[in-house]
Amino acid sequence: VTKTRTKVCLSVIWLAALSVALLPCFQVGSYT
């Protein structure tokens, strides 16, 4: 565990959450 790897881990988390949130843009689910 280093600061660099911690920052990479946080970036992956934000990117994963963003990918899930954008799924309706690819016709997977929808918001209403």
PDB file of all heavy atoms in Angstrom:
ATOM      1  N   VAL A   1       0.843  -1.200   0.000  1.00  0.00           N
ATOM      2  CA  VAL A   1       0.000   0.000   0.000  1.00  0.00           C
ATOM      3  C   VAL A   1       0.877   1.248   0.000  1.00  0.00           C
ATOM      4  O   VAL A   1       1.615   1.503   0.944  1.00  0.00           O
ATOM      5  CB  VAL A   1      -0.943   0.013   1.222  1.00  0.00           C
ATOM      6  CG1 VAL A   1      -1.819   1.264   1.192  1.00  0.00           C
ATOM      7  CG2 VAL A   1      -1.810  -1.234   1.234  1.00  0.00           C
ATOM      8  N   THR A   2       0.806   2.014  -1.079  1.00  0.00           N
ATOM      9  CA  THR A   2       1.528   3.281  -1.205  1.00  0.00           C
ATOM     10  C   THR A   2       0.533   4.378  -1.581  1.00  0.00           C
ATOM     11  O   THR A   2      -0.617   4.097  -1.951  1.00  0.00           O
ATOM     12  CB  THR A   2       2.617   3.180  -2.279  1.00  0.00           C
ATOM     13  OG1 THR A   2       1.995   2.923  -3.558  1.00  0.00           O
ATOM     14  CG2 THR A   2       3.598   2.060  -1.958  1.00  0.00           C
ATOM     15  N   LYS A   3       0.983   5.624  -1.508  1.00  0.00           N
ATOM     16  CA  LYS A   3       0.105   6.729  -1.873  1.00  0.00           C
ATOM     17  C   LYS A   3      -0.280   6.659  -3.346  1.00  0.00           C
ATOM     18  O   LYS A   3      -1.430   6.938  -3.716  1.00  0.00           O
ATOM     19  CB  LYS A   3       0.798   8.061  -1.573  1.00  0.00           C
ATOM     20  CG  LYS A   3       0.953   8.359  -0.098  1.00  0.00           C
ATOM     21  CD  LYS A   3       1.596   9.711   0.119  1.00  0.00           C
ATOM     22  CE  LYS A   3       1.784   9.999   1.612  1.00  0.00           C
ATOM     23  NZ  LYS A   3       2.439  11.326   1.847  1.00  0.00           N
ATOM     24  N   THR A   4       0.679   6.258  -4.186  1.00  0.00           N
ATOM     25  CA  THR A   4       0.390   6.163  -5.621  1.00  0.00           C
ATOM     26  C   THR A   4      -0.668   5.105  -5.898  1.00  0.00           C
ATOM     27  O   THR A   4      -1.628   5.340  -6.644  1.00  0.00           O
ATOM     28  CB  THR A   4       1.674   5.819  -6.395  1.00  0.00           C
ATOM     29  OG1 THR A   4       2.657   6.835  -6.152  1.00  0.00           O
ATOM     30  CG2 THR A   4       1.390   5.741  -7.894  1.00  0.00           C
ATOM     31  N   ARG A   5      -0.517   3.936  -5.274  1.00  0.00           N
ATOM     32  CA  ARG A   5      -1.496   2.866  -5.468  1.00  0.00           C
ATOM     33  C   ARG A   5      -2.844   3.225  -4.862  1.00  0.00           C
ATOM     34  O   ARG A   5      -3.891   2.824  -5.380  1.00  0.00           O
ATOM     35  CB  ARG A   5      -0.966   1.571  -4.866  1.00  0.00           C
ATOM     36  CG  ARG A   5       0.183   0.965  -5.672  1.00  0.00           C
ATOM     37  CD  ARG A   5       0.769  -0.249  -5.002  1.00  0.00           C
ATOM     38  NE  ARG A   5       1.860  -0.816  -5.801  1.00  0.00           N
ATOM     39  CZ  ARG A   5       2.643  -1.797  -5.401  1.00  0.00           C
ATOM     40  NH1 ARG A   5       2.468  -2.350  -4.190  1.00  0.00           N
ATOM     41  NH2 ARG A   5       3.606  -2.261  -6.184  1.00  0.00           N
ATOM     42  N   THR A   6      -2.823   3.978  -3.782  1.00  0.00           N
ATOM     43  CA  THR A   6      -4.084   4.443  -3.197  1.00  0.00           C
ATOM     44  C   THR A   6      -4.819   5.374  -4.159  1.00  0.00           C
ATOM     45  O   THR A   6      -6.038   5.265  -4.344  1.00  0.00           O
ATOM     46  CB  THR A   6      -3.817   5.171  -1.876  1.00  0.00           C
ATOM     47  OG1 THR A   6      -3.159   4.291  -0.962  1.00  0.00           O
ATOM     48  CG2 THR A   6      -5.119   5.659  -1.248  1.00  0.00           C
ATOM     49  N   LYS A   7      -4.076   6.270  -4.805  1.00  0.00           N
ATOM     50  CA  LYS A   7      -4.687   7.182  -5.778  1.00  0.00           C
ATOM     51  C   LYS A   7      -5.212   6.418  -6.987  1.00  0.00           C
ATOM     52  O   LYS A   7      -6.280   6.744  -7.523  1.00  0.00           O
ATOM     53  CB  LYS A   7      -3.672   8.238  -6.208  1.00  0.00           C
ATOM     54  CG  LYS A   7      -3.286   9.207  -5.095  1.00  0.00           C
ATOM     55  CD  LYS A   7      -2.196  10.164  -5.540  1.00  0.00           C
ATOM     56  CE  LYS A   7      -1.794  11.095  -4.396  1.00  0.00           C
ATOM     57  NZ  LYS A   7      -0.684  12.016  -4.780  1.00  0.00           N
ATOM     58  N   VAL A   8      -4.474   5.386  -7.412  1.00  0.00           N
ATOM     59  CA  VAL A   8      -4.939   4.549  -8.520  1.00  0.00           C
ATOM     60  C   VAL A   8      -6.225   3.825  -8.128  1.00  0.00           C
ATOM     61  O   VAL A   8      -7.181   3.751  -8.916  1.00  0.00           O
ATOM     62  CB  VAL A   8      -3.852   3.534  -8.938  1.00  0.00           C
ATOM     63  CG1 VAL A   8      -4.418   2.521  -9.927  1.00  0.00           C
ATOM     64  CG2 VAL A   8      -2.655   4.252  -9.541  1.00  0.00           C
ATOM     65  N   CYS A   9      -6.266   3.309  -6.904  1.00  0.00           N
ATOM     66  CA  CYS A   9      -7.462   2.617  -6.409  1.00  0.00           C
ATOM     67  C   CYS A   9      -8.668   3.556  -6.391  1.00  0.00           C
ATOM     68  O   CYS A   9      -9.770   3.182  -6.812  1.00  0.00           O
ATOM     69  CB  CYS A   9      -7.185   2.064  -5.014  1.00  0.00           C
ATOM     70  SG  CYS A   9      -8.611   1.234  -4.243  1.00  0.00           S
ATOM     71  N   LEU A  10      -8.470   4.782  -5.933  1.00  0.00           N
ATOM     72  CA  LEU A  10      -9.558   5.754  -5.910  1.00  0.00           C
ATOM     73  C   LEU A  10     -10.022   6.094  -7.321  1.00  0.00           C
ATOM     74  O   LEU A  10     -11.229   6.221  -7.573  1.00  0.00           O
ATOM     75  CB  LEU A  10      -9.102   7.026  -5.187  1.00  0.00           C
ATOM     76  CG  LEU A  10      -8.935   6.906  -3.670  1.00  0.00           C
ATOM     77  CD1 LEU A  10      -8.197   8.119  -3.114  1.00  0.00           C
ATOM     78  CD2 LEU A  10     -10.288   6.761  -2.991  1.00  0.00           C
ATOM     79  N   SER A  11      -9.082   6.220  -8.239  1.00  0.00           N
ATOM     80  CA  SER A  11      -9.445   6.507  -9.633  1.00  0.00           C
ATOM     81  C   SER A  11     -10.269   5.375 -10.226  1.00  0.00           C
ATOM     82  O   SER A  11     -11.242   5.620 -10.952  1.00  0.00           O
ATOM     83  CB  SER A  11      -8.175   6.729 -10.468  1.00  0.00           C
ATOM     84  OG  SER A  11      -7.418   7.819  -9.974  1.00  0.00           O
ATOM     85  N   VAL A  12      -9.881   4.133  -9.922  1.00  0.00           N
ATOM     86  CA  VAL A  12     -10.632   2.972 -10.415  1.00  0.00           C
ATOM     87  C   VAL A  12     -12.042   2.964  -9.836  1.00  0.00           C
ATOM     88  O   VAL A  12     -13.020   2.668 -10.538  1.00  0.00           O
ATOM     89  CB  VAL A  12      -9.890   1.666 -10.064  1.00  0.00           C
ATOM     90  CG1 VAL A  12     -10.764   0.449 -10.347  1.00  0.00           C
ATOM     91  CG2 VAL A  12      -8.580   1.572 -10.848  1.00  0.00           C
ATOM     92  N   ILE A  13     -12.175   3.311  -8.557  1.00  0.00           N
ATOM     93  CA  ILE A  13     -13.500   3.352  -7.926  1.00  0.00           C
ATOM     94  C   ILE A  13     -14.385   4.393  -8.595  1.00  0.00           C
ATOM     95  O   ILE A  13     -15.551   4.116  -8.942  1.00  0.00           O
ATOM     96  CB  ILE A  13     -13.356   3.642  -6.424  1.00  0.00           C
ATOM     97  CG1 ILE A  13     -12.785   2.417  -5.697  1.00  0.00           C
ATOM     98  CG2 ILE A  13     -14.702   4.037  -5.810  1.00  0.00           C
ATOM     99  CD1 ILE A  13     -12.454   2.659  -4.248  1.00  0.00           C
ATOM    100  N   TRP A  14     -13.856   5.594  -8.785  1.00  0.00           N
ATOM    101  CA  TRP A  14     -14.642   6.655  -9.433  1.00  0.00           C
ATOM    102  C   TRP A  14     -15.017   6.262 -10.855  1.00  0.00           C
ATOM    103  O   TRP A  14     -16.139   6.503 -11.300  1.00  0.00           O
ATOM    104  CB  TRP A  14     -13.867   7.969  -9.422  1.00  0.00           C
ATOM    105  CG  TRP A  14     -13.817   8.632  -8.090  1.00  0.00           C
ATOM    106  CD1 TRP A  14     -14.819   8.693  -7.161  1.00  0.00           C
ATOM    107  CD2 TRP A  14     -12.703   9.328  -7.510  1.00  0.00           C
ATOM    108  NE1 TRP A  14     -14.395   9.385  -6.053  1.00  0.00           N
ATOM    109  CE2 TRP A  14     -13.118   9.790  -6.226  1.00  0.00           C
ATOM    110  CE3 TRP A  14     -11.410   9.616  -7.933  1.00  0.00           C
ATOM    111  CZ2 TRP A  14     -12.274  10.517  -5.385  1.00  0.00           C
ATOM    112  CZ3 TRP A  14     -10.569  10.350  -7.095  1.00  0.00           C
ATOM    113  CH2 TRP A  14     -11.003  10.788  -5.839  1.00  0.00           C
ATOM    114  N   LEU A  15     -14.075   5.636 -11.575  1.00  0.00           N
ATOM    115  CA  LEU A  15     -14.345   5.232 -12.951  1.00  0.00           C
ATOM    116  C   LEU A  15     -15.390   4.119 -13.002  1.00  0.00           C
ATOM    117  O   LEU A  15     -16.270   4.121 -13.873  1.00  0.00           O
ATOM    118  CB  LEU A  15     -13.042   4.761 -13.613  1.00  0.00           C
ATOM    119  CG  LEU A  15     -13.130   4.373 -15.097  1.00  0.00           C
ATOM    120  CD1 LEU A  15     -13.595   5.558 -15.923  1.00  0.00           C
ATOM    121  CD2 LEU A  15     -11.778   3.877 -15.601  1.00  0.00           C
ATOM    122  N   ALA A  16     -15.320   3.167 -12.069  1.00  0.00           N
ATOM    123  CA  ALA A  16     -16.299   2.082 -12.025  1.00  0.00           C
ATOM    124  C   ALA A  16     -17.697   2.622 -11.737  1.00  0.00           C
ATOM    125  O   ALA A  16     -18.679   2.224 -12.383  1.00  0.00           O
ATOM    126  CB  ALA A  16     -15.891   1.058 -10.962  1.00  0.00           C
ATOM    127  N   ALA A  17     -17.809   3.530 -10.757  1.00  0.00           N
ATOM    128  CA  ALA A  17     -19.115   4.117 -10.436  1.00  0.00           C
ATOM    129  C   ALA A  17     -19.658   4.930 -11.606  1.00  0.00           C
ATOM    130  O   ALA A  17     -20.859   4.888 -11.904  1.00  0.00           O
ATOM    131  CB  ALA A  17     -18.998   4.998  -9.191  1.00  0.00           C
ATOM    132  N   LEU A  18     -18.771   5.649 -12.292  1.00  0.00           N
ATOM    133  CA  LEU A  18     -19.201   6.429 -13.458  1.00  0.00           C
ATOM    134  C   LEU A  18     -19.666   5.517 -14.579  1.00  0.00           C
ATOM    135  O   LEU A  18     -20.662   5.814 -15.263  1.00  0.00           O
ATOM    136  CB  LEU A  18     -18.046   7.313 -13.939  1.00  0.00           C
ATOM    137  CG  LEU A  18     -18.330   8.222 -15.140  1.00  0.00           C
ATOM    138  CD1 LEU A  18     -19.443   9.209 -14.810  1.00  0.00           C
ATOM    139  CD2 LEU A  18     -17.071   8.961 -15.580  1.00  0.00           C
ATOM    140  N   SER A  19     -18.987   4.394 -14.763  1.00  0.00           N
ATOM    141  CA  SER A  19     -19.375   3.442 -15.811  1.00  0.00           C
ATOM    142  C   SER A  19     -20.774   2.879 -15.546  1.00  0.00           C
ATOM    143  O   SER A  19     -21.587   2.756 -16.475  1.00  0.00           O
ATOM    144  CB  SER A  19     -18.353   2.301 -15.894  1.00  0.00           C
ATOM    145  OG  SER A  19     -17.060   2.796 -16.207  1.00  0.00           O
ATOM    146  N   VAL A  20     -21.055   2.558 -14.282  1.00  0.00           N
ATOM    147  CA  VAL A  20     -22.388   2.054 -13.942  1.00  0.00           C
ATOM    148  C   VAL A  20     -23.442   3.136 -14.169  1.00  0.00           C
ATOM    149  O   VAL A  20     -24.525   2.873 -14.705  1.00  0.00           O
ATOM    150  CB  VAL A  20     -22.422   1.567 -12.480  1.00  0.00           C
ATOM    151  CG1 VAL A  20     -23.839   1.166 -12.076  1.00  0.00           C
ATOM    152  CG2 VAL A  20     -21.468   0.392 -12.283  1.00  0.00           C
ATOM    153  N   ALA A  21     -23.131   4.374 -13.767  1.00  0.00           N
ATOM    154  CA  ALA A  21     -24.089   5.473 -13.918  1.00  0.00           C
ATOM    155  C   ALA A  21     -24.399   5.768 -15.384  1.00  0.00           C
ATOM    156  O   ALA A  21     -25.495   6.235 -15.709  1.00  0.00           O
ATOM    157  CB  ALA A  21     -23.552   6.724 -13.235  1.00  0.00           C
ATOM    158  N   LEU A  22     -23.443   5.491 -16.277  1.00  0.00           N
ATOM    159  CA  LEU A  22     -23.633   5.798 -17.698  1.00  0.00           C
ATOM    160  C   LEU A  22     -24.247   4.649 -18.488  1.00  0.00           C
ATOM    161  O   LEU A  22     -24.419   4.771 -19.706  1.00  0.00           O
ATOM    162  CB  LEU A  22     -22.277   6.181 -18.323  1.00  0.00           C
ATOM    163  CG  LEU A  22     -21.666   7.504 -17.866  1.00  0.00           C
ATOM    164  CD1 LEU A  22     -20.306   7.711 -18.519  1.00  0.00           C
ATOM    165  CD2 LEU A  22     -22.585   8.684 -18.179  1.00  0.00           C
ATOM    166  N   LEU A  23     -24.564   3.542 -17.843  1.00  0.00           N
ATOM    167  CA  LEU A  23     -25.123   2.391 -18.553  1.00  0.00           C
ATOM    168  C   LEU A  23     -26.402   2.713 -19.336  1.00  0.00           C
ATOM    169  O   LEU A  23     -26.602   2.176 -20.436  1.00  0.00           O
ATOM    170  CB  LEU A  23     -25.384   1.247 -17.565  1.00  0.00           C
ATOM    171  CG  LEU A  23     -24.151   0.452 -17.122  1.00  0.00           C
ATOM    172  CD1 LEU A  23     -24.545  -0.619 -16.123  1.00  0.00           C
ATOM    173  CD2 LEU A  23     -23.443  -0.167 -18.315  1.00  0.00           C
ATOM    174  N   PRO A  24     -27.323   3.571 -18.822  1.00  0.00           N
ATOM    175  CA  PRO A  24     -28.506   3.908 -19.627  1.00  0.00           C
ATOM    176  C   PRO A  24     -28.169   4.555 -20.964  1.00  0.00           C
ATOM    177  O   PRO A  24     -28.989   4.485 -21.896  1.00  0.00           O
ATOM    178  CB  PRO A  24     -29.275   4.876 -18.721  1.00  0.00           C
ATOM    179  CG  PRO A  24     -28.898   4.455 -17.342  1.00  0.00           C
ATOM    180  CD  PRO A  24     -27.453   4.088 -17.441  1.00  0.00           C
ATOM    181  N   CYS A  25     -26.995   5.181 -21.072  1.00  0.00           N
ATOM    182  CA  CYS A  25     -26.585   5.749 -22.365  1.00  0.00           C
ATOM    183  C   CYS A  25     -26.359   4.654 -23.399  1.00  0.00           C
ATOM    184  O   CYS A  25     -26.368   4.923 -24.609  1.00  0.00           O
ATOM    185  CB  CYS A  25     -25.316   6.578 -22.201  1.00  0.00           C
ATOM    186  SG  CYS A  25     -25.510   8.021 -21.132  1.00  0.00           S
ATOM    187  N   PHE A  26     -26.128   3.424 -22.934  1.00  0.00           N
ATOM    188  CA  PHE A  26     -25.921   2.279 -23.828  1.00  0.00           C
ATOM    189  C   PHE A  26     -27.125   1.331 -23.800  1.00  0.00           C
ATOM    190  O   PHE A  26     -26.988   0.134 -24.058  1.00  0.00           O
ATOM    191  CB  PHE A  26     -24.651   1.538 -23.406  1.00  0.00           C
ATOM    192  CG  PHE A  26     -23.414   2.407 -23.418  1.00  0.00           C
ATOM    193  CD1 PHE A  26     -22.957   2.997 -22.240  1.00  0.00           C
ATOM    194  CD2 PHE A  26     -22.732   2.656 -24.595  1.00  0.00           C
ATOM    195  CE1 PHE A  26     -21.827   3.810 -22.238  1.00  0.00           C
ATOM    196  CE2 PHE A  26     -21.608   3.465 -24.607  1.00  0.00           C
ATOM    197  CZ  PHE A  26     -21.150   4.043 -23.436  1.00  0.00           C
ATOM    198  N   GLN A  27     -28.284   1.905 -23.469  1.00  0.00           N
ATOM    199  CA  GLN A  27     -29.554   1.169 -23.487  1.00  0.00           C
ATOM    200  C   GLN A  27     -29.612   0.039 -22.466  1.00  0.00           C
ATOM    201  O   GLN A  27     -30.361  -0.919 -22.640  1.00  0.00           O
ATOM    202  CB  GLN A  27     -29.830   0.613 -24.891  1.00  0.00           C
ATOM    203  CG  GLN A  27     -29.755   1.637 -26.000  1.00  0.00           C
ATOM    204  CD  GLN A  27     -30.696   2.824 -25.765  1.00  0.00           C
ATOM    205  OE1 GLN A  27     -31.834   2.635 -25.389  1.00  0.00           O
ATOM    206  NE2 GLN A  27     -30.207   4.043 -25.997  1.00  0.00           N
ATOM    207  N   VAL A  28     -28.812   0.126 -21.410  1.00  0.00           N
ATOM    208  CA  VAL A  28     -28.881  -0.844 -20.317  1.00  0.00           C
ATOM    209  C   VAL A  28     -29.553  -0.148 -19.138  1.00  0.00           C
ATOM    210  O   VAL A  28     -28.921   0.583 -18.388  1.00  0.00           O
ATOM    211  CB  VAL A  28     -27.485  -1.354 -19.911  1.00  0.00           C
ATOM    212  CG1 VAL A  28     -27.605  -2.359 -18.754  1.00  0.00           C
ATOM    213  CG2 VAL A  28     -26.777  -1.992 -21.095  1.00  0.00           C
ATOM    214  N   GLY A  29     -30.842  -0.355 -18.985  1.00  0.00           N
ATOM    215  CA  GLY A  29     -31.583   0.329 -17.936  1.00  0.00           C
ATOM    216  C   GLY A  29     -31.977   1.728 -18.365  1.00  0.00           C
ATOM    217  O   GLY A  29     -31.639   2.202 -19.462  1.00  0.00           O
ATOM    218  N   SER A  30     -32.699   2.407 -17.498  1.00  0.00           N
ATOM    219  CA  SER A  30     -33.146   3.771 -17.786  1.00  0.00           C
ATOM    220  C   SER A  30     -33.444   4.500 -16.483  1.00  0.00           C
ATOM    221  O   SER A  30     -33.687   3.884 -15.445  1.00  0.00           O
ATOM    222  CB  SER A  30     -34.396   3.755 -18.672  1.00  0.00           C
ATOM    223  OG  SER A  30     -35.461   3.087 -18.015  1.00  0.00           O
ATOM    224  N   TYR A  31     -33.420   5.820 -16.570  1.00  0.00           N
ATOM    225  CA  TYR A  31     -33.793   6.681 -15.446  1.00  0.00           C
ATOM    226  C   TYR A  31     -35.151   7.299 -15.748  1.00  0.00           C
ATOM    227  O   TYR A  31     -35.461   7.628 -16.896  1.00  0.00           O
ATOM    228  CB  TYR A  31     -32.769   7.793 -15.233  1.00  0.00           C
ATOM    229  CG  TYR A  31     -31.381   7.303 -14.906  1.00  0.00           C
ATOM    230  CD1 TYR A  31     -30.303   7.604 -15.732  1.00  0.00           C
ATOM    231  CD2 TYR A  31     -31.140   6.547 -13.761  1.00  0.00           C
ATOM    232  CE1 TYR A  31     -29.027   7.168 -15.425  1.00  0.00           C
ATOM    233  CE2 TYR A  31     -29.867   6.106 -13.444  1.00  0.00           C
ATOM    234  CZ  TYR A  31     -28.809   6.419 -14.288  1.00  0.00           C
ATOM    235  OH  TYR A  31     -27.555   5.971 -13.983  1.00  0.00           O
ATOM    236  N   THR A  32     -35.947   7.466 -14.708  1.00  0.00           N
ATOM    237  CA  THR A  32     -37.258   8.083 -14.886  1.00  0.00           C
ATOM    238  C   THR A  32     -37.606   8.890 -13.641  1.00  0.00           C
ATOM    239  O   THR A  32     -37.035   8.671 -12.566  1.00  0.00           O
ATOM    240  CB  THR A  32     -38.333   7.016 -15.137  1.00  0.00           C
ATOM    241  OG1 THR A  32     -39.575   7.668 -15.442  1.00  0.00           O
ATOM    242  CG2 THR A  32     -38.534   6.143 -13.912  1.00  0.00           C
TER     243      THR A  32
END
